[in-house]
C-alpha atoms as a PDB file:
ATOM      1  CA  MET A   1       1.950   7.305   4.136  1.00  0.00           C
ATOM      2  CA  LYS A   2       3.074   6.567   7.670  1.00  0.00           C
ATOM      3  CA  LYS A   3       1.062   3.859   8.229  1.00  0.00           C
ATOM      4  CA  LEU A   4       2.497   2.189   4.562  1.00  0.00           C
ATOM      5  CA  GLU A   5       5.933   2.748   6.423  1.00  0.00           C
ATOM      6  CA  ILE A   6       4.685   1.504   9.492  1.00  0.00           C
ATOM      7  CA  ASN A   7       3.860  -1.706   7.599  1.00  0.00           C
ATOM      8  CA  GLN A   8       7.261  -1.689   5.791  1.00  0.00           C
ATOM      9  CA  LEU A   9       5.606  -0.907   2.689  1.00  0.00           C
ATOM     10  CA  VAL A  10       7.499   2.232   1.940  1.00  0.00           C
ATOM     11  CA  GLU A  11      11.418   3.685   3.745  1.00  0.00           C
ATOM     12  CA  ARG A  12      10.712   7.381   4.672  1.00  0.00           C
ATOM     13  CA  LYS A  13      13.797   9.474   3.654  1.00  0.00           C
ATOM     14  CA  VAL A  14      14.301  13.085   4.902  1.00  0.00           C
ATOM     15  CA  LEU A  15      16.949  15.060   3.365  1.00  0.00           C
ATOM     16  CA  ALA A  16      17.432  17.383   6.382  1.00  0.00           C
ATOM     17  CA  ASP A  17      20.767  18.642   4.425  1.00  0.00           C
ATOM     18  CA  ARG A  18      17.934  21.043   1.563  1.00  0.00           C
ATOM     19  CA  PHE A  19      16.384  24.035   2.330  1.00  0.00           C
ATOM     20  CA  PRO A  20      13.759  23.503   2.571  1.00  0.00           C
ATOM     21  CA  VAL A  21      13.880  20.091   3.910  1.00  0.00           C
ATOM     22  CA  ILE A  22      12.689  17.279   1.199  1.00  0.00           C
ATOM     23  CA  VAL A  23      10.860  14.054   2.306  1.00  0.00           C
ATOM     24  CA  GLU A  24      11.210  10.988   0.178  1.00  0.00           C
ATOM     25  CA  TYR A  25       9.311   7.650   0.549  1.00  0.00           C
ATOM     26  CA  LEU A  26      10.742   4.735  -1.128  1.00  0.00           C
ATOM     27  CA  SER A  27       9.336   1.174  -1.715  1.00  0.00           C
ATOM     28  CA  THR A  28      10.912  -1.426   0.032  1.00  0.00           C
ATOM     29  CA  GLU A  29      11.952  -4.842  -0.513  1.00  0.00           C
ATOM     30  CA  TYR A  30       8.571  -5.951   1.272  1.00  0.00           C
ATOM     31  CA  SER A  31       5.989  -4.385  -1.034  1.00  0.00           C
ATOM     32  CA  GLU A  32       7.288  -6.000  -4.397  1.00  0.00           C
ATOM     33  CA  SER A  33       5.385  -8.601  -2.991  1.00  0.00           C
ATOM     34  CA  LEU A  34       2.744  -6.260  -3.783  1.00  0.00           C
ATOM     35  CA  LYS A  35       3.545  -6.274  -7.535  1.00  0.00           C
ATOM     36  CA  ASP A  36       1.353  -9.146  -9.316  1.00  0.00           C
ATOM     37  CA  ILE A  37      -1.912  -7.396  -7.549  1.00  0.00           C
ATOM     38  CA  ILE A  38      -1.395  -4.196  -8.481  1.00  0.00           C
ATOM     39  CA  THR A  39      -0.583  -5.494 -11.987  1.00  0.00           C
ATOM     40  CA  ALA A  40      -3.563  -7.286 -12.026  1.00  0.00           C
ATOM     41  CA  LEU A  41      -5.753  -3.923 -10.431  1.00  0.00           C
ATOM     42  CA  VAL A  42      -4.180  -1.802 -13.647  1.00  0.00           C
ATOM     43  CA  GLN A  43      -5.285  -4.389 -16.038  1.00  0.00           C
ATOM     44  CA  TRP A  44      -8.832  -4.809 -14.158  1.00  0.00           C
ATOM     45  CA  GLY A  45      -9.509  -0.788 -14.771  1.00  0.00           C
ATOM     46  CA  THR A  46      -7.345  -0.723 -17.973  1.00  0.00           C
ATOM     47  CA  ASN A  47     -10.458  -3.575 -19.014  1.00  0.00           C
ATOM     48  CA  HIS A  48     -13.077  -1.662 -17.658  1.00  0.00           C
ATOM     49  CA  LYS A  49     -12.443   2.030 -18.050  1.00  0.00           C
ATOM     50  CA  LYS A  50     -15.203   2.884 -20.165  1.00  0.00           C
ATOM     51  CA  ARG A  51     -17.797   0.984 -17.797  1.00  0.00           C
ATOM     52  CA  ILE A  52     -16.630   2.929 -14.973  1.00  0.00           C
ATOM     53  CA  THR A  53     -15.648   5.910 -15.864  1.00  0.00           C
ATOM     54  CA  THR A  54     -17.853   8.703 -14.862  1.00  0.00           C
ATOM     55  CA  ASP A  55     -18.925  12.240 -16.891  1.00  0.00           C
ATOM     56  CA  ASN A  56     -20.037  13.264 -12.671  1.00  0.00           C
END
């Protein structure tokens, strides 16, 4: 997550006013540039699920 934050793909938000302290990671506007790529990977995985799934 730290590398995603450094590369501005996620934003780290600490909710210190709660107990226990909660840390949230939110996608950034910049991460939206990956949307088409991720959608294509999901589609590929869906299309090839039977071939790439093993019972090992």
